[in-house]
């Protein structure tokens, strides 16, 4: 998970916010670039739902 989050940060899709407190608190937030992917993800998710039966037969 840490490596994947690091890649998302590196590619400018999310920001990591570290709070100076104990216990350590970290939050992640989408950047504008990351937010621009929301419609693409929604369409892809809908495609998966629309083809669920066919996909389950393959997997």
N, C-alpha and C. Protein backbone atom coordinates (compact mmCIF):
# COMPACT_ATOMS: atom_id res chain seq x y z
N UNK A 1 0.82 -1.19 0.00
CA UNK A 1 0.00 0.00 0.00
C UNK A 1 0.87 1.25 0.00
N UNK A 2 1.91 1.23 0.81
CA UNK A 2 2.79 2.39 0.89
C UNK A 2 3.45 2.70 -0.45
N UNK A 3 3.88 1.65 -1.16
CA UNK A 3 4.51 1.84 -2.47
C UNK A 3 3.51 2.41 -3.47
N UNK A 4 2.28 1.92 -3.43
CA UNK A 4 1.25 2.41 -4.35
C UNK A 4 0.91 3.87 -4.06
N UNK A 5 0.78 4.22 -2.79
CA UNK A 5 0.52 5.61 -2.43
C UNK A 5 1.68 6.50 -2.87
N UNK A 6 2.90 6.01 -2.71
CA UNK A 6 4.07 6.76 -3.15
C UNK A 6 4.04 7.04 -4.65
N UNK A 7 3.61 6.06 -5.43
CA UNK A 7 3.51 6.25 -6.87
C UNK A 7 2.43 7.27 -7.22
N UNK A 8 1.32 7.23 -6.52
CA UNK A 8 0.24 8.20 -6.77
C UNK A 8 0.71 9.62 -6.44
N UNK A 9 1.50 9.75 -5.38
CA UNK A 9 2.06 11.06 -5.03
C UNK A 9 3.05 11.49 -6.10
N UNK A 10 3.92 10.58 -6.50
CA UNK A 10 4.94 10.87 -7.51
C UNK A 10 4.32 11.33 -8.83
N UNK A 11 3.18 10.75 -9.16
CA UNK A 11 2.51 11.10 -10.41
C UNK A 11 1.55 12.28 -10.27
N UNK A 12 1.49 12.87 -9.08
CA UNK A 12 0.70 14.08 -8.88
C UNK A 12 -0.79 13.86 -8.74
N UNK A 13 -1.21 12.64 -8.40
CA UNK A 13 -2.63 12.34 -8.28
C UNK A 13 -3.16 12.58 -6.88
N UNK A 14 -2.29 12.44 -5.87
CA UNK A 14 -2.70 12.69 -4.49
C UNK A 14 -1.61 13.48 -3.77
N UNK A 15 -2.01 14.12 -2.69
CA UNK A 15 -1.09 14.78 -1.77
C UNK A 15 -1.13 14.05 -0.44
N UNK A 16 0.00 14.00 0.23
CA UNK A 16 0.10 13.42 1.56
C UNK A 16 0.22 14.57 2.56
N UNK A 17 -0.63 14.55 3.57
CA UNK A 17 -0.62 15.57 4.60
C UNK A 17 -0.25 14.89 5.92
N UNK A 18 0.87 15.29 6.50
CA UNK A 18 1.34 14.72 7.77
C UNK A 18 1.10 15.73 8.87
N UNK A 19 0.40 15.32 9.92
CA UNK A 19 0.10 16.20 11.04
C UNK A 19 1.14 15.99 12.14
N UNK A 20 1.64 17.07 12.68
CA UNK A 20 2.66 17.03 13.72
C UNK A 20 2.00 16.79 15.07
N UNK A 21 1.69 15.53 15.33
CA UNK A 21 1.04 15.16 16.58
C UNK A 21 1.37 13.72 16.92
N UNK A 22 1.09 13.36 18.13
CA UNK A 22 1.24 11.98 18.57
C UNK A 22 -0.11 11.45 19.00
N UNK A 23 -0.54 10.31 18.57
CA UNK A 23 0.13 9.48 17.58
C UNK A 23 0.13 10.17 16.21
N UNK A 24 1.07 9.76 15.40
CA UNK A 24 1.23 10.33 14.07
C UNK A 24 -0.07 10.20 13.28
N UNK A 25 -0.44 11.27 12.60
CA UNK A 25 -1.64 11.25 11.78
C UNK A 25 -1.26 11.65 10.36
N UNK A 26 -1.72 10.86 9.39
CA UNK A 26 -1.46 11.13 7.97
C UNK A 26 -2.77 11.04 7.22
N UNK A 27 -3.00 11.99 6.34
CA UNK A 27 -4.17 11.96 5.48
C UNK A 27 -3.71 12.13 4.04
N UNK A 28 -4.50 11.60 3.14
CA UNK A 28 -4.24 11.73 1.71
C UNK A 28 -5.43 12.44 1.08
N UNK A 29 -5.14 13.29 0.09
CA UNK A 29 -6.22 14.00 -0.60
C UNK A 29 -5.92 14.02 -2.09
N UNK A 30 -6.98 14.01 -2.87
CA UNK A 30 -6.82 14.08 -4.32
C UNK A 30 -6.34 15.47 -4.72
N UNK A 31 -5.47 15.51 -5.71
CA UNK A 31 -5.09 16.77 -6.33
C UNK A 31 -6.13 17.06 -7.42
N UNK A 32 -6.01 18.21 -8.06
CA UNK A 32 -6.88 18.50 -9.19
C UNK A 32 -6.76 17.46 -10.28
N UNK A 33 -5.51 17.03 -10.53
CA UNK A 33 -5.28 15.99 -11.52
C UNK A 33 -5.98 14.70 -11.13
N UNK A 34 -5.89 14.34 -9.85
CA UNK A 34 -6.57 13.13 -9.37
C UNK A 34 -8.07 13.25 -9.48
N UNK A 35 -8.61 14.41 -9.15
CA UNK A 35 -10.06 14.62 -9.25
C UNK A 35 -10.53 14.51 -10.69
N UNK A 36 -9.67 14.88 -11.64
CA UNK A 36 -10.07 14.81 -13.04
C UNK A 36 -10.26 13.36 -13.51
N UNK A 37 -9.77 12.39 -12.74
CA UNK A 37 -9.94 10.98 -13.08
C UNK A 37 -11.27 10.41 -12.60
N UNK A 38 -11.98 11.12 -11.75
CA UNK A 38 -13.23 10.59 -11.19
C UNK A 38 -14.23 10.18 -12.28
N UNK A 39 -14.47 11.00 -13.30
CA UNK A 39 -15.41 10.56 -14.34
C UNK A 39 -14.92 9.30 -15.08
N UNK A 40 -13.63 9.19 -15.30
CA UNK A 40 -13.07 8.01 -15.98
C UNK A 40 -13.29 6.77 -15.12
N UNK A 41 -13.05 6.89 -13.83
CA UNK A 41 -13.24 5.76 -12.91
C UNK A 41 -14.71 5.38 -12.83
N UNK A 42 -15.59 6.36 -12.82
CA UNK A 42 -17.03 6.09 -12.76
C UNK A 42 -17.50 5.33 -14.00
N UNK A 43 -17.03 5.74 -15.17
CA UNK A 43 -17.40 5.06 -16.41
C UNK A 43 -16.84 3.63 -16.41
N UNK A 44 -15.61 3.47 -15.95
CA UNK A 44 -15.00 2.14 -15.90
C UNK A 44 -15.75 1.23 -14.92
N UNK A 45 -16.14 1.77 -13.79
CA UNK A 45 -16.91 1.00 -12.81
C UNK A 45 -18.26 0.58 -13.39
N UNK A 46 -18.91 1.49 -14.10
CA UNK A 46 -20.19 1.17 -14.71
C UNK A 46 -20.03 0.08 -15.77
N UNK A 47 -18.96 0.16 -16.56
CA UNK A 47 -18.68 -0.87 -17.56
C UNK A 47 -18.54 -2.23 -16.88
N UNK A 48 -17.82 -2.26 -15.76
CA UNK A 48 -17.65 -3.51 -15.02
C UNK A 48 -18.98 -4.06 -14.53
N UNK A 49 -19.83 -3.19 -14.01
CA UNK A 49 -21.16 -3.63 -13.56
C UNK A 49 -21.99 -4.14 -14.73
N UNK A 50 -21.94 -3.43 -15.85
CA UNK A 50 -22.72 -3.81 -17.03
C UNK A 50 -22.28 -5.16 -17.59
N UNK A 51 -21.04 -5.54 -17.38
CA UNK A 51 -20.50 -6.77 -17.95
C UNK A 51 -20.10 -7.79 -16.88
N UNK A 52 -20.63 -7.62 -15.69
CA UNK A 52 -20.27 -8.48 -14.56
C UNK A 52 -20.44 -9.96 -14.88
N UNK A 53 -21.57 -10.33 -15.44
CA UNK A 53 -21.83 -11.76 -15.69
C UNK A 53 -20.80 -12.35 -16.65
N UNK A 54 -20.49 -11.64 -17.73
CA UNK A 54 -19.51 -12.15 -18.69
C UNK A 54 -18.12 -12.24 -18.05
N UNK A 55 -17.77 -11.24 -17.26
CA UNK A 55 -16.45 -11.22 -16.63
C UNK A 55 -16.29 -12.32 -15.58
N UNK A 56 -17.35 -12.60 -14.83
CA UNK A 56 -17.27 -13.64 -13.82
C UNK A 56 -17.08 -15.01 -14.45
N UNK A 57 -17.61 -15.22 -15.65
CA UNK A 57 -17.42 -16.49 -16.35
C UNK A 57 -15.95 -16.69 -16.73
N UNK A 58 -15.27 -15.59 -17.07
CA UNK A 58 -13.88 -15.67 -17.49
C UNK A 58 -12.97 -15.89 -16.28
N UNK A 59 -13.27 -15.20 -15.19
CA UNK A 59 -12.42 -15.28 -14.01
C UNK A 59 -12.85 -16.47 -13.18
